[in-house]
Amino acid sequence: MPADTTMKVLVVDDFATMRRIVKNILTQLGYKNIIEADDGSTAVDILKNEKVDMIISDWNMPKMTGLELLKHVRADADMANTPFIMVTAEAQQDNIILAVKAKVSQYIVKPFTAETLGEKIDKIFG
């Protein structure tokens, strides 16, 4: 499915290289409107002022984790249904269960390919 180029995507990761990788993959997939945040609390500040169509967030970050960000987003009526993809290096069943309970849209374990991210996005919007 071709990407909706008007869609605004927020990429949240404390590691600049990882943000760049995700951004490059999104660009390859056809997404043009990509904003970045270096942790969950920065993402919250951005979300106060900008409406985004999808959030791709790392789990392990200082200040505010991806799970805390997910819970924040789901608790806000305006953002409750915003697609949220959690990216993590940890494939522990407990974490996956926590993310699912918090209503994560999709879950990706690092390292991942452009194809994997594309498939997860397709599952959300397909």
PDB file of N, CA and C in Angstrom:
ATOM      1  N   MET A   1       0.839  -1.186   0.000  1.00  0.00           N
ATOM      2  CA  MET A   1       0.000   0.000   0.000  1.00  0.00           C
ATOM      3  C   MET A   1       0.878   1.242   0.000  1.00  0.00           C
ATOM      4  N   PRO A   2       0.688   2.174  -0.914  1.00  0.00           N
ATOM      5  CA  PRO A   2       1.545   3.365  -0.925  1.00  0.00           C
ATOM      6  C   PRO A   2       1.260   4.262   0.273  1.00  0.00           C
ATOM      7  N   ALA A   3       2.296   4.915   0.734  1.00  0.00           N
ATOM      8  CA  ALA A   3       2.173   5.780   1.903  1.00  0.00           C
ATOM      9  C   ALA A   3       1.339   7.013   1.570  1.00  0.00           C
ATOM     10  N   ASP A   4       0.612   7.477   2.563  1.00  0.00           N
ATOM     11  CA  ASP A   4      -0.109   8.736   2.449  1.00  0.00           C
ATOM     12  C   ASP A   4       0.911   9.833   2.747  1.00  0.00           C
ATOM     13  N   THR A   5       1.336  10.546   1.715  1.00  0.00           N
ATOM     14  CA  THR A   5       2.437  11.506   1.873  1.00  0.00           C
ATOM     15  C   THR A   5       2.053  12.710   2.732  1.00  0.00           C
ATOM     16  N   THR A   6       0.756  12.921   2.984  1.00  0.00           N
ATOM     17  CA  THR A   6       0.350  14.053   3.823  1.00  0.00           C
ATOM     18  C   THR A   6       0.374  13.679   5.304  1.00  0.00           C
ATOM     19  N   MET A   7       0.526  12.402   5.579  1.00  0.00           N
ATOM     20  CA  MET A   7       0.490  11.923   6.950  1.00  0.00           C
ATOM     21  C   MET A   7       1.684  12.436   7.754  1.00  0.00           C
ATOM     22  N   LYS A   8       1.417  12.920   8.977  1.00  0.00           N
ATOM     23  CA  LYS A   8       2.484  13.420   9.838  1.00  0.00           C
ATOM     24  C   LYS A   8       2.881  12.322  10.823  1.00  0.00           C
ATOM     25  N   VAL A   9       4.176  11.974  10.825  1.00  0.00           N
ATOM     26  CA  VAL A   9       4.678  10.896  11.670  1.00  0.00           C
ATOM     27  C   VAL A   9       5.661  11.464  12.693  1.00  0.00           C
ATOM     28  N   LEU A  10       5.470  11.088  13.961  1.00  0.00           N
ATOM     29  CA  LEU A  10       6.390  11.483  15.028  1.00  0.00           C
ATOM     30  C   LEU A  10       7.278  10.292  15.360  1.00  0.00           C
ATOM     31  N   VAL A  11       8.604  10.494  15.238  1.00  0.00           N
ATOM     32  CA  VAL A  11       9.579   9.455  15.560  1.00  0.00           C
ATOM     33  C   VAL A  11      10.256   9.848  16.871  1.00  0.00           C
ATOM     34  N   VAL A  12      10.139   8.965  17.874  1.00  0.00           N
ATOM     35  CA  VAL A  12      10.655   9.268  19.208  1.00  0.00           C
ATOM     36  C   VAL A  12      11.731   8.252  19.576  1.00  0.00           C
ATOM     37  N   ASP A  13      12.959   8.726  19.773  1.00  0.00           N
ATOM     38  CA  ASP A  13      14.057   7.855  20.183  1.00  0.00           C
ATOM     39  C   ASP A  13      15.154   8.739  20.758  1.00  0.00           C
ATOM     40  N   ASP A  14      15.759   8.317  21.860  1.00  0.00           N
ATOM     41  CA  ASP A  14      16.821   9.124  22.465  1.00  0.00           C
ATOM     42  C   ASP A  14      18.140   8.987  21.697  1.00  0.00           C
ATOM     43  N   PHE A  15      18.191   8.052  20.779  1.00  0.00           N
ATOM     44  CA  PHE A  15      19.410   7.788  20.006  1.00  0.00           C
ATOM     45  C   PHE A  15      19.245   8.382  18.607  1.00  0.00           C
ATOM     46  N   ALA A  16      20.009   9.427  18.316  1.00  0.00           N
ATOM     47  CA  ALA A  16      19.865  10.160  17.050  1.00  0.00           C
ATOM     48  C   ALA A  16      20.030   9.258  15.827  1.00  0.00           C
ATOM     49  N   THR A  17      20.967   8.301  15.901  1.00  0.00           N
ATOM     50  CA  THR A  17      21.194   7.395  14.771  1.00  0.00           C
ATOM     51  C   THR A  17      19.945   6.563  14.489  1.00  0.00           C
ATOM     52  N   MET A  18      19.290   6.112  15.546  1.00  0.00           N
ATOM     53  CA  MET A  18      18.072   5.310  15.367  1.00  0.00           C
ATOM     54  C   MET A  18      16.955   6.166  14.760  1.00  0.00           C
ATOM     55  N   ARG A  19      16.836   7.412  15.202  1.00  0.00           N
ATOM     56  CA  ARG A  19      15.827   8.315  14.611  1.00  0.00           C
ATOM     57  C   ARG A  19      16.103   8.476  13.122  1.00  0.00           C
ATOM     58  N   ARG A  20      17.383   8.639  12.778  1.00  0.00           N
ATOM     59  CA  ARG A  20      17.759   8.823  11.370  1.00  0.00           C
ATOM     60  C   ARG A  20      17.412   7.572  10.555  1.00  0.00           C
ATOM     61  N   ILE A  21      17.683   6.393  11.110  1.00  0.00           N
ATOM     62  CA  ILE A  21      17.369   5.139  10.416  1.00  0.00           C
ATOM     63  C   ILE A  21      15.860   5.044  10.164  1.00  0.00           C
ATOM     64  N   VAL A  22      15.066   5.283  11.200  1.00  0.00           N
ATOM     65  CA  VAL A  22      13.611   5.195  11.058  1.00  0.00           C
ATOM     66  C   VAL A  22      13.110   6.238  10.058  1.00  0.00           C
ATOM     67  N   LYS A  23      13.669   7.437  10.152  1.00  0.00           N
ATOM     68  CA  LYS A  23      13.281   8.513   9.237  1.00  0.00           C
ATOM     69  C   LYS A  23      13.605   8.143   7.781  1.00  0.00           C
ATOM     70  N   ASN A  24      14.794   7.571   7.562  1.00  0.00           N
ATOM     71  CA  ASN A  24      15.193   7.142   6.216  1.00  0.00           C
ATOM     72  C   ASN A  24      14.257   6.063   5.676  1.00  0.00           C
ATOM     73  N   ILE A  25      13.881   5.120   6.537  1.00  0.00           N
ATOM     74  CA  ILE A  25      12.952   4.061   6.113  1.00  0.00           C
ATOM     75  C   ILE A  25      11.607   4.679   5.753  1.00  0.00           C
ATOM     76  N   LEU A  26      11.106   5.572   6.609  1.00  0.00           N
ATOM     77  CA  LEU A  26       9.816   6.223   6.338  1.00  0.00           C
ATOM     78  C   LEU A  26       9.860   6.999   5.018  1.00  0.00           C
ATOM     79  N   THR A  27      10.981   7.672   4.778  1.00  0.00           N
ATOM     80  CA  THR A  27      11.144   8.424   3.528  1.00  0.00           C
ATOM     81  C   THR A  27      11.107   7.467   2.340  1.00  0.00           C
ATOM     82  N   GLN A  28      11.812   6.331   2.460  1.00  0.00           N
ATOM     83  CA  GLN A  28      11.786   5.300   1.405  1.00  0.00           C
ATOM     84  C   GLN A  28      10.365   4.806   1.160  1.00  0.00           C
ATOM     85  N   LEU A  29       9.573   4.714   2.242  1.00  0.00           N
ATOM     86  CA  LEU A  29       8.196   4.226   2.138  1.00  0.00           C
ATOM     87  C   LEU A  29       7.253   5.303   1.590  1.00  0.00           C
ATOM     88  N   GLY A  30       7.776   6.535   1.459  1.00  0.00           N
ATOM     89  CA  GLY A  30       6.972   7.596   0.863  1.00  0.00           C
ATOM     90  C   GLY A  30       6.452   8.642   1.832  1.00  0.00           C
ATOM     91  N   TYR A  31       6.801   8.530   3.105  1.00  0.00           N
ATOM     92  CA  TYR A  31       6.367   9.533   4.089  1.00  0.00           C
ATOM     93  C   TYR A  31       7.274  10.740   4.003  1.00  0.00           C
ATOM     94  N   LYS A  32       6.683  11.923   3.969  1.00  0.00           N
ATOM     95  CA  LYS A  32       7.478  13.141   3.803  1.00  0.00           C
ATOM     96  C   LYS A  32       7.428  14.045   5.035  1.00  0.00           C
ATOM     97  N   ASN A  33       6.365  13.917   5.829  1.00  0.00           N
ATOM     98  CA  ASN A  33       6.151  14.826   6.946  1.00  0.00           C
ATOM     99  C   ASN A  33       6.520  14.122   8.253  1.00  0.00           C
ATOM    100  N   ILE A  34       7.818  14.190   8.606  1.00  0.00           N
ATOM    101  CA  ILE A  34       8.325  13.450   9.763  1.00  0.00           C
ATOM    102  C   ILE A  34       8.902  14.424  10.787  1.00  0.00           C
ATOM    103  N   ILE A  35       8.436  14.303  12.029  1.00  0.00           N
ATOM    104  CA  ILE A  35       8.965  15.132  13.119  1.00  0.00           C
ATOM    105  C   ILE A  35       9.703  14.199  14.076  1.00  0.00           C
ATOM    106  N   GLU A  36      10.686  14.748  14.774  1.00  0.00           N
ATOM    107  CA  GLU A  36      11.484  13.934  15.691  1.00  0.00           C
ATOM    108  C   GLU A  36      11.420  14.457  17.109  1.00  0.00           C
ATOM    109  N   ALA A  37      11.499  13.537  18.071  1.00  0.00           N
ATOM    110  CA  ALA A  37      11.624  13.894  19.484  1.00  0.00           C
ATOM    111  C   ALA A  37      12.694  12.994  20.085  1.00  0.00           C
ATOM    112  N   ASP A  38      13.497  13.551  20.997  1.00  0.00           N
ATOM    113  CA  ASP A  38      14.606  12.764  21.548  1.00  0.00           C
ATOM    114  C   ASP A  38      14.247  12.007  22.817  1.00  0.00           C
ATOM    115  N   ASP A  39      13.030  12.162  23.319  1.00  0.00           N
ATOM    116  CA  ASP A  39      12.543  11.326  24.415  1.00  0.00           C
ATOM    117  C   ASP A  39      11.036  11.542  24.570  1.00  0.00           C
ATOM    118  N   GLY A  40      10.432  10.773  25.455  1.00  0.00           N
ATOM    119  CA  GLY A  40       8.985  10.833  25.633  1.00  0.00           C
ATOM    120  C   GLY A  40       8.473  12.185  26.069  1.00  0.00           C
ATOM    121  N   SER A  41       9.216  12.852  26.978  1.00  0.00           N
ATOM    122  CA  SER A  41       8.727  14.153  27.458  1.00  0.00           C
ATOM    123  C   SER A  41       8.779  15.214  26.355  1.00  0.00           C
ATOM    124  N   THR A  42       9.793  15.154  25.499  1.00  0.00           N
ATOM    125  CA  THR A  42       9.860  16.063  24.349  1.00  0.00           C
ATOM    126  C   THR A  42       8.687  15.774  23.408  1.00  0.00           C
ATOM    127  N   ALA A  43       8.390  14.483  23.234  1.00  0.00           N
ATOM    128  CA  ALA A  43       7.263  14.081  22.384  1.00  0.00           C
ATOM    129  C   ALA A  43       5.951  14.646  22.916  1.00  0.00           C
ATOM    130  N   VAL A  44       5.759  14.598  24.231  1.00  0.00           N
ATOM    131  CA  VAL A  44       4.539  15.141  24.850  1.00  0.00           C
ATOM    132  C   VAL A  44       4.416  16.627  24.530  1.00  0.00           C
ATOM    133  N   ASP A  45       5.537  17.355  24.642  1.00  0.00           N
ATOM    134  CA  ASP A  45       5.514  18.792  24.321  1.00  0.00           C
ATOM    135  C   ASP A  45       5.115  19.024  22.867  1.00  0.00           C
ATOM    136  N   ILE A  46       5.655  18.227  21.960  1.00  0.00           N
ATOM    137  CA  ILE A  46       5.316  18.354  20.536  1.00  0.00           C
ATOM    138  C   ILE A  46       3.834  18.053  20.320  1.00  0.00           C
ATOM    139  N   LEU A  47       3.356  16.995  20.972  1.00  0.00           N
ATOM    140  CA  LEU A  47       1.964  16.572  20.792  1.00  0.00           C
ATOM    141  C   LEU A  47       0.956  17.597  21.328  1.00  0.00           C
ATOM    142  N   LYS A  48       1.394  18.464  22.239  1.00  0.00           N
ATOM    143  CA  LYS A  48       0.509  19.532  22.740  1.00  0.00           C
ATOM    144  C   LYS A  48       0.186  20.523  21.624  1.00  0.00           C
ATOM    145  N   ASN A  49       1.136  20.690  20.704  1.00  0.00           N
ATOM    146  CA  ASN A  49       0.997  21.710  19.662  1.00  0.00           C
ATOM    147  C   ASN A  49       0.741  21.168  18.264  1.00  0.00           C
ATOM    148  N   GLU A  50       0.995  19.882  18.058  1.00  0.00           N
ATOM    149  CA  GLU A  50       0.869  19.325  16.706  1.00  0.00           C
ATOM    150  C   GLU A  50       0.030  18.059  16.724  1.00  0.00           C
ATOM    151  N   LYS A  51      -0.831  17.935  15.729  1.00  0.00           N
ATOM    152  CA  LYS A  51      -1.595  16.698  15.579  1.00  0.00           C
ATOM    153  C   LYS A  51      -0.777  15.778  14.667  1.00  0.00           C
ATOM    154  N   VAL A  52      -0.510  14.568  15.134  1.00  0.00           N
ATOM    155  CA  VAL A  52       0.236  13.619  14.302  1.00  0.00           C
ATOM    156  C   VAL A  52      -0.674  12.447  13.944  1.00  0.00           C
ATOM    157  N   ASP A  53      -0.348  11.782  12.831  1.00  0.00           N
ATOM    158  CA  ASP A  53      -1.168  10.675  12.338  1.00  0.00           C
ATOM    159  C   ASP A  53      -0.637   9.319  12.766  1.00  0.00           C
ATOM    160  N   MET A  54       0.627   9.301  13.216  1.00  0.00           N
ATOM    161  CA  MET A  54       1.227   8.045  13.669  1.00  0.00           C
ATOM    162  C   MET A  54       2.440   8.374  14.527  1.00  0.00           C
ATOM    163  N   ILE A  55       2.666   7.533  15.557  1.00  0.00           N
ATOM    164  CA  ILE A  55       3.832   7.693  16.433  1.00  0.00           C
ATOM    165  C   ILE A  55       4.647   6.404  16.375  1.00  0.00           C
ATOM    166  N   ILE A  56       5.950   6.555  16.161  1.00  0.00           N
ATOM    167  CA  ILE A  56       6.868   5.416  16.218  1.00  0.00           C
ATOM    168  C   ILE A  56       7.853   5.738  17.328  1.00  0.00           C
ATOM    169  N   SER A  57       7.812   4.954  18.406  1.00  0.00           N
ATOM    170  CA  SER A  57       8.607   5.301  19.580  1.00  0.00           C
ATOM    171  C   SER A  57       9.457   4.144  20.068  1.00  0.00           C
ATOM    172  N   ASP A  58      10.651   4.492  20.526  1.00  0.00           N
ATOM    173  CA  ASP A  58      11.518   3.548  21.214  1.00  0.00           C
ATOM    174  C   ASP A  58      10.921   3.287  22.595  1.00  0.00           C
ATOM    175  N   TRP A  59      11.245   2.160  23.185  1.00  0.00           N
ATOM    176  CA  TRP A  59      10.754   1.846  24.527  1.00  0.00           C
ATOM    177  C   TRP A  59      11.667   2.460  25.588  1.00  0.00           C
ATOM    178  N   ASN A  60      12.964   2.129  25.528  1.00  0.00           N
ATOM    179  CA  ASN A  60      13.904   2.544  26.573  1.00  0.00           C
ATOM    180  C   ASN A  60      14.481   3.926  26.297  1.00  0.00           C
ATOM    181  N   MET A  61      13.978   4.909  27.067  1.00  0.00           N
ATOM    182  CA  MET A  61      14.480   6.283  26.933  1.00  0.00           C
ATOM    183  C   MET A  61      14.531   6.909  28.318  1.00  0.00           C
ATOM    184  N   PRO A  62      15.454   7.872  28.508  1.00  0.00           N
ATOM    185  CA  PRO A  62      15.485   8.584  29.788  1.00  0.00           C
ATOM    186  C   PRO A  62      14.279   9.515  29.905  1.00  0.00           C
ATOM    187  N   LYS A  63      14.035  10.039  31.078  1.00  0.00           N
ATOM    188  CA  LYS A  63      12.940  10.973  31.380  1.00  0.00           C
ATOM    189  C   LYS A  63      11.565  10.341  31.276  1.00  0.00           C
ATOM    190  N   MET A  64      11.211   9.835  30.097  1.00  0.00           N
ATOM    191  CA  MET A  64       9.908   9.204  29.906  1.00  0.00           C
ATOM    192  C   MET A  64      10.054   8.065  28.904  1.00  0.00           C
ATOM    193  N   THR A  65       9.688   6.861  29.315  1.00  0.00           N
ATOM    194  CA  THR A  65       9.835   5.703  28.424  1.00  0.00           C
ATOM    195  C   THR A  65       8.761   5.710  27.339  1.00  0.00           C
ATOM    196  N   GLY A  66       8.963   4.853  26.358  1.00  0.00           N
ATOM    197  CA  GLY A  66       7.971   4.698  25.304  1.00  0.00           C
ATOM    198  C   GLY A  66       6.642   4.205  25.847  1.00  0.00           C
ATOM    199  N   LEU A  67       6.695   3.337  26.861  1.00  0.00           N
ATOM    200  CA  LEU A  67       5.460   2.825  27.462  1.00  0.00           C
ATOM    201  C   LEU A  67       4.712   3.959  28.172  1.00  0.00           C
ATOM    202  N   GLU A  68       5.435   4.809  28.892  1.00  0.00           N
ATOM    203  CA  GLU A  68       4.800   5.962  29.552  1.00  0.00           C
ATOM    204  C   GLU A  68       4.197   6.910  28.521  1.00  0.00           C
ATOM    205  N   LEU A  69       4.921   7.103  27.419  1.00  0.00           N
ATOM    206  CA  LEU A  69       4.407   7.957  26.336  1.00  0.00           C
ATOM    207  C   LEU A  69       3.131   7.351  25.753  1.00  0.00           C
ATOM    208  N   LEU A  70       3.154   6.039  25.508  1.00  0.00           N
ATOM    209  CA  LEU A  70       1.979   5.344  24.977  1.00  0.00           C
ATOM    210  C   LEU A  70       0.784   5.541  25.907  1.00  0.00           C
ATOM    211  N   LYS A  71       0.994   5.361  27.197  1.00  0.00           N
ATOM    212  CA  LYS A  71      -0.102   5.522  28.172  1.00  0.00           C
ATOM    213  C   LYS A  71      -0.613   6.959  28.165  1.00  0.00           C
ATOM    214  N   HIS A  72       0.292   7.919  28.047  1.00  0.00           N
ATOM    215  CA  HIS A  72      -0.086   9.332  27.979  1.00  0.00           C
ATOM    216  C   HIS A  72      -0.970   9.594  26.748  1.00  0.00           C
ATOM    217  N   VAL A  73      -0.534   9.068  25.608  1.00  0.00           N
ATOM    218  CA  VAL A  73      -1.274   9.255  24.355  1.00  0.00           C
ATOM    219  C   VAL A  73      -2.659   8.611  24.457  1.00  0.00           C
ATOM    220  N   ARG A  74      -2.718   7.381  24.970  1.00  0.00           N
ATOM    221  CA  ARG A  74      -3.991   6.667  25.062  1.00  0.00           C
ATOM    222  C   ARG A  74      -4.951   7.333  26.062  1.00  0.00           C
ATOM    223  N   ALA A  75      -4.399   8.041  27.051  1.00  0.00           N
ATOM    224  CA  ALA A  75      -5.236   8.698  28.068  1.00  0.00           C
ATOM    225  C   ALA A  75      -5.818  10.025  27.569  1.00  0.00           C
ATOM    226  N   ASP A  76      -5.319  10.526  26.457  1.00  0.00           N
ATOM    227  CA  ASP A  76      -5.774  11.800  25.905  1.00  0.00           C
ATOM    228  C   ASP A  76      -6.838  11.540  24.841  1.00  0.00           C
ATOM    229  N   ALA A  77      -8.043  12.027  25.076  1.00  0.00           N
ATOM    230  CA  ALA A  77      -9.168  11.749  24.171  1.00  0.00           C
ATOM    231  C   ALA A  77      -8.866  12.125  22.721  1.00  0.00           C
ATOM    232  N   ASP A  78      -8.123  13.209  22.507  1.00  0.00           N
ATOM    233  CA  ASP A  78      -7.819  13.661  21.145  1.00  0.00           C
ATOM    234  C   ASP A  78      -6.827  12.745  20.422  1.00  0.00           C
ATOM    235  N   MET A  79      -6.019  12.036  21.203  1.00  0.00           N
ATOM    236  CA  MET A  79      -4.975  11.197  20.593  1.00  0.00           C
ATOM    237  C   MET A  79      -5.186   9.710  20.828  1.00  0.00           C
ATOM    238  N   ALA A  80      -6.216   9.340  21.560  1.00  0.00           N
ATOM    239  CA  ALA A  80      -6.401   7.956  22.019  1.00  0.00           C
ATOM    240  C   ALA A  80      -6.322   6.916  20.898  1.00  0.00           C
ATOM    241  N   ASN A  81      -6.747   7.296  19.694  1.00  0.00           N
ATOM    242  CA  ASN A  81      -6.750   6.338  18.593  1.00  0.00           C
ATOM    243  C   ASN A  81      -5.585   6.506  17.624  1.00  0.00           C
ATOM    244  N   THR A  82      -4.636   7.349  17.985  1.00  0.00           N
ATOM    245  CA  THR A  82      -3.473   7.560  17.118  1.00  0.00           C
ATOM    246  C   THR A  82      -2.652   6.270  17.039  1.00  0.00           C
ATOM    247  N   PRO A  83      -2.389   5.781  15.819  1.00  0.00           N
ATOM    248  CA  PRO A  83      -1.557   4.575  15.689  1.00  0.00           C
ATOM    249  C   PRO A  83      -0.195   4.768  16.357  1.00  0.00           C
ATOM    250  N   PHE A  84       0.223   3.778  17.124  1.00  0.00           N
ATOM    251  CA  PHE A  84       1.451   3.861  17.911  1.00  0.00           C
ATOM    252  C   PHE A  84       2.241   2.574  17.708  1.00  0.00           C
ATOM    253  N   ILE A  85       3.439   2.702  17.136  1.00  0.00           N
ATOM    254  CA  ILE A  85       4.319   1.545  16.938  1.00  0.00           C
ATOM    255  C   ILE A  85       5.459   1.639  17.950  1.00  0.00           C
ATOM    256  N   MET A  86       5.595   0.604  18.762  1.00  0.00           N
ATOM    257  CA  MET A  86       6.658   0.556  19.762  1.00  0.00           C
ATOM    258  C   MET A  86       7.852  -0.196  19.181  1.00  0.00           C
ATOM    259  N   VAL A  87       9.030   0.408  19.295  1.00  0.00           N
ATOM    260  CA  VAL A  87      10.258  -0.217  18.811  1.00  0.00           C
ATOM    261  C   VAL A  87      11.134  -0.487  20.031  1.00  0.00           C
ATOM    262  N   THR A  88      11.615  -1.722  20.151  1.00  0.00           N
ATOM    263  CA  THR A  88      12.439  -2.038  21.312  1.00  0.00           C
ATOM    264  C   THR A  88      13.481  -3.099  20.989  1.00  0.00           C
ATOM    265  N   ALA A  89      14.546  -3.086  21.755  1.00  0.00           N
ATOM    266  CA  ALA A  89      15.583  -4.099  21.599  1.00  0.00           C
ATOM    267  C   ALA A  89      15.220  -5.334  22.411  1.00  0.00           C
ATOM    268  N   GLU A  90      14.201  -5.207  23.248  1.00  0.00           N
ATOM    269  CA  GLU A  90      13.832  -6.296  24.142  1.00  0.00           C
ATOM    270  C   GLU A  90      12.583  -7.025  23.662  1.00  0.00           C
ATOM    271  N   ALA A  91      12.728  -8.299  23.394  1.00  0.00           N
ATOM    272  CA  ALA A  91      11.598  -9.096  22.914  1.00  0.00           C
ATOM    273  C   ALA A  91      10.979  -9.885  24.057  1.00  0.00           C
ATOM    274  N   GLN A  92      11.137  -9.382  25.280  1.00  0.00           N
ATOM    275  CA  GLN A  92      10.615 -10.112  26.430  1.00  0.00           C
ATOM    276  C   GLN A  92       9.089 -10.124  26.401  1.00  0.00           C
ATOM    277  N   GLN A  93       8.544 -11.305  26.636  1.00  0.00           N
ATOM    278  CA  GLN A  93       7.096 -11.497  26.608  1.00  0.00           C
ATOM    279  C   GLN A  93       6.387 -10.518  27.550  1.00  0.00           C
ATOM    280  N   ASP A  94       6.964 -10.281  28.734  1.00  0.00           N
ATOM    281  CA  ASP A  94       6.343  -9.382  29.713  1.00  0.00           C
ATOM    282  C   ASP A  94       6.172  -7.975  29.141  1.00  0.00           C
ATOM    283  N   ASN A  95       7.214  -7.503  28.448  1.00  0.00           N
ATOM    284  CA  ASN A  95       7.141  -6.165  27.857  1.00  0.00           C
ATOM    285  C   ASN A  95       6.088  -6.092  26.772  1.00  0.00           C
ATOM    286  N   ILE A  96       6.031  -7.131  25.947  1.00  0.00           N
ATOM    287  CA  ILE A  96       5.050  -7.159  24.865  1.00  0.00           C
ATOM    288  C   ILE A  96       3.641  -7.118  25.467  1.00  0.00           C
ATOM    289  N   ILE A  97       3.429  -7.881  26.531  1.00  0.00           N
ATOM    290  CA  ILE A  97       2.122  -7.907  27.200  1.00  0.00           C
ATOM    291  C   ILE A  97       1.792  -6.524  27.769  1.00  0.00           C
ATOM    292  N   LEU A  98       2.766  -5.878  28.404  1.00  0.00           N
ATOM    293  CA  LEU A  98       2.542  -4.521  28.940  1.00  0.00           C
ATOM    294  C   LEU A  98       2.147  -3.557  27.827  1.00  0.00           C
ATOM    295  N   ALA A  99       2.850  -3.635  26.703  1.00  0.00           N
ATOM    296  CA  ALA A  99       2.567  -2.746  25.578  1.00  0.00           C
ATOM    297  C   ALA A  99       1.178  -3.018  24.998  1.00  0.00           C
ATOM    298  N   VAL A 100       0.824  -4.291  24.885  1.00  0.00           N
ATOM    299  CA  VAL A 100      -0.490  -4.656  24.345  1.00  0.00           C
ATOM    300  C   VAL A 100      -1.594  -4.171  25.294  1.00  0.00           C
ATOM    301  N   LYS A 101      -1.390  -4.341  26.591  1.00  0.00           N
ATOM    302  CA  LYS A 101      -2.373  -3.870  27.579  1.00  0.00           C
ATOM    303  C   LYS A 101      -2.549  -2.363  27.494  1.00  0.00           C
ATOM    304  N   ALA A 102      -1.467  -1.667  27.139  1.00  0.00           N
ATOM    305  CA  ALA A 102      -1.528  -0.204  27.010  1.00  0.00           C
ATOM    306  C   ALA A 102      -2.050   0.211  25.627  1.00  0.00           C
ATOM    307  N   LYS A 103      -2.501  -0.782  24.857  1.00  0.00           N
ATOM    308  CA  LYS A 103      -3.107  -0.553  23.536  1.00  0.00           C
ATOM    309  C   LYS A 103      -2.122  -0.083  22.467  1.00  0.00           C
ATOM    310  N   VAL A 104      -0.947  -0.703  22.439  1.00  0.00           N
ATOM    311  CA  VAL A 104       0.006  -0.412  21.365  1.00  0.00           C
ATOM    312  C   VAL A 104      -0.595  -0.934  20.059  1.00  0.00           C
ATOM    313  N   SER A 105      -0.337  -0.229  18.957  1.00  0.00           N
ATOM    314  CA  SER A 105      -0.893  -0.665  17.664  1.00  0.00           C
ATOM    315  C   SER A 105      -0.072  -1.814  17.078  1.00  0.00           C
ATOM    316  N   GLN A 106       1.251  -1.651  17.096  1.00  0.00           N
ATOM    317  CA  GLN A 106       2.171  -2.673  16.596  1.00  0.00           C
ATOM    318  C   GLN A 106       3.443  -2.604  17.430  1.00  0.00           C
ATOM    319  N   TYR A 107       4.239  -3.688  17.363  1.00  0.00           N
ATOM    320  CA  TYR A 107       5.431  -3.831  18.185  1.00  0.00           C
ATOM    321  C   TYR A 107       6.548  -4.351  17.286  1.00  0.00           C
ATOM    322  N   ILE A 108       7.685  -3.685  17.285  1.00  0.00           N
ATOM    323  CA  ILE A 108       8.812  -4.109  16.447  1.00  0.00           C
ATOM    324  C   ILE A 108      10.043  -4.307  17.331  1.00  0.00           C
ATOM    325  N   VAL A 109      10.740  -5.416  17.120  1.00  0.00           N
ATOM    326  CA  VAL A 109      11.964  -5.691  17.871  1.00  0.00           C
ATOM    327  C   VAL A 109      13.172  -5.336  17.006  1.00  0.00           C
ATOM    328  N   LYS A 110      14.115  -4.571  17.588  1.00  0.00           N
ATOM    329  CA  LYS A 110      15.366  -4.226  16.889  1.00  0.00           C
ATOM    330  C   LYS A 110      16.275  -5.447  16.875  1.00  0.00           C
ATOM    331  N   PRO A 111      17.098  -5.632  15.882  1.00  0.00           N
ATOM    332  CA  PRO A 111      17.142  -4.830  14.651  1.00  0.00           C
ATOM    333  C   PRO A 111      15.998  -5.228  13.727  1.00  0.00           C
ATOM    334  N   PHE A 112      15.546  -4.296  12.903  1.00  0.00           N
ATOM    335  CA  PHE A 112      14.460  -4.598  11.986  1.00  0.00           C
ATOM    336  C   PHE A 112      14.782  -4.016  10.617  1.00  0.00           C
ATOM    337  N   THR A 113      14.053  -4.476   9.610  1.00  0.00           N
ATOM    338  CA  THR A 113      14.295  -4.021   8.243  1.00  0.00           C
ATOM    339  C   THR A 113      13.220  -3.018   7.832  1.00  0.00           C
ATOM    340  N   ALA A 114      13.481  -2.343   6.728  1.00  0.00           N
ATOM    341  CA  ALA A 114      12.499  -1.410   6.163  1.00  0.00           C
ATOM    342  C   ALA A 114      11.217  -2.171   5.842  1.00  0.00           C
ATOM    343  N   GLU A 115      11.387  -3.406   5.364  1.00  0.00           N
ATOM    344  CA  GLU A 115      10.241  -4.237   5.011  1.00  0.00           C
ATOM    345  C   GLU A 115       9.355  -4.503   6.237  1.00  0.00           C
ATOM    346  N   THR A 116       9.992  -4.800   7.379  1.00  0.00           N
ATOM    347  CA  THR A 116       9.247  -5.055   8.614  1.00  0.00           C
ATOM    348  C   THR A 116       8.436  -3.834   9.020  1.00  0.00           C
ATOM    349  N   LEU A 117       9.076  -2.668   9.018  1.00  0.00           N
ATOM    350  CA  LEU A 117       8.362  -1.448   9.398  1.00  0.00           C
ATOM    351  C   LEU A 117       7.207  -1.183   8.429  1.00  0.00           C
ATOM    352  N   GLY A 118       7.460  -1.366   7.147  1.00  0.00           N
ATOM    353  CA  GLY A 118       6.419  -1.180   6.139  1.00  0.00           C
ATOM    354  C   GLY A 118       5.232  -2.107   6.368  1.00  0.00           C
ATOM    355  N   GLU A 119       5.529  -3.365   6.714  1.00  0.00           N
ATOM    356  CA  GLU A 119       4.466  -4.346   6.974  1.00  0.00           C
ATOM    357  C   GLU A 119       3.639  -3.957   8.197  1.00  0.00           C
ATOM    358  N   LYS A 120       4.308  -3.477   9.250  1.00  0.00           N
ATOM    359  CA  LYS A 120       3.595  -3.075  10.476  1.00  0.00           C
ATOM    360  C   LYS A 120       2.675  -1.884  10.184  1.00  0.00           C
ATOM    361  N   ILE A 121       3.178  -0.926   9.395  1.00  0.00           N
ATOM    362  CA  ILE A 121       2.367   0.241   9.028  1.00  0.00           C
ATOM    363  C   ILE A 121       1.168  -0.206   8.187  1.00  0.00           C
ATOM    364  N   ASP A 122       1.417  -1.116   7.255  1.00  0.00           N
ATOM    365  CA  ASP A 122       0.316  -1.648   6.422  1.00  0.00           C
ATOM    366  C   ASP A 122      -0.746  -2.331   7.266  1.00  0.00           C
ATOM    367  N   LYS A 123      -0.307  -3.039   8.320  1.00  0.00           N
ATOM    368  CA  LYS A 123      -1.265  -3.729   9.199  1.00  0.00           C
ATOM    369  C   LYS A 123      -2.169  -2.712   9.896  1.00  0.00           C
ATOM    370  N   ILE A 124      -1.610  -1.552  10.226  1.00  0.00           N
ATOM    371  CA  ILE A 124      -2.399  -0.520  10.900  1.00  0.00           C
ATOM    372  C   ILE A 124      -3.375   0.142   9.929  1.00  0.00           C
ATOM    373  N   PHE A 125      -2.879   0.512   8.759  1.00  0.00           N
ATOM    374  CA  PHE A 125      -3.691   1.300   7.834  1.00  0.00           C
ATOM    375  C   PHE A 125      -4.325   0.475   6.714  1.00  0.00           C
ATOM    376  N   GLY A 126      -3.879  -0.814   6.604  1.00  0.00           N
ATOM    377  CA  GLY A 126      -4.375  -1.672   5.543  1.00  0.00           C
ATOM    378  C   GLY A 126      -5.782  -2.110   5.846  1.00  0.00           C
TER     379      GLY A 126
END
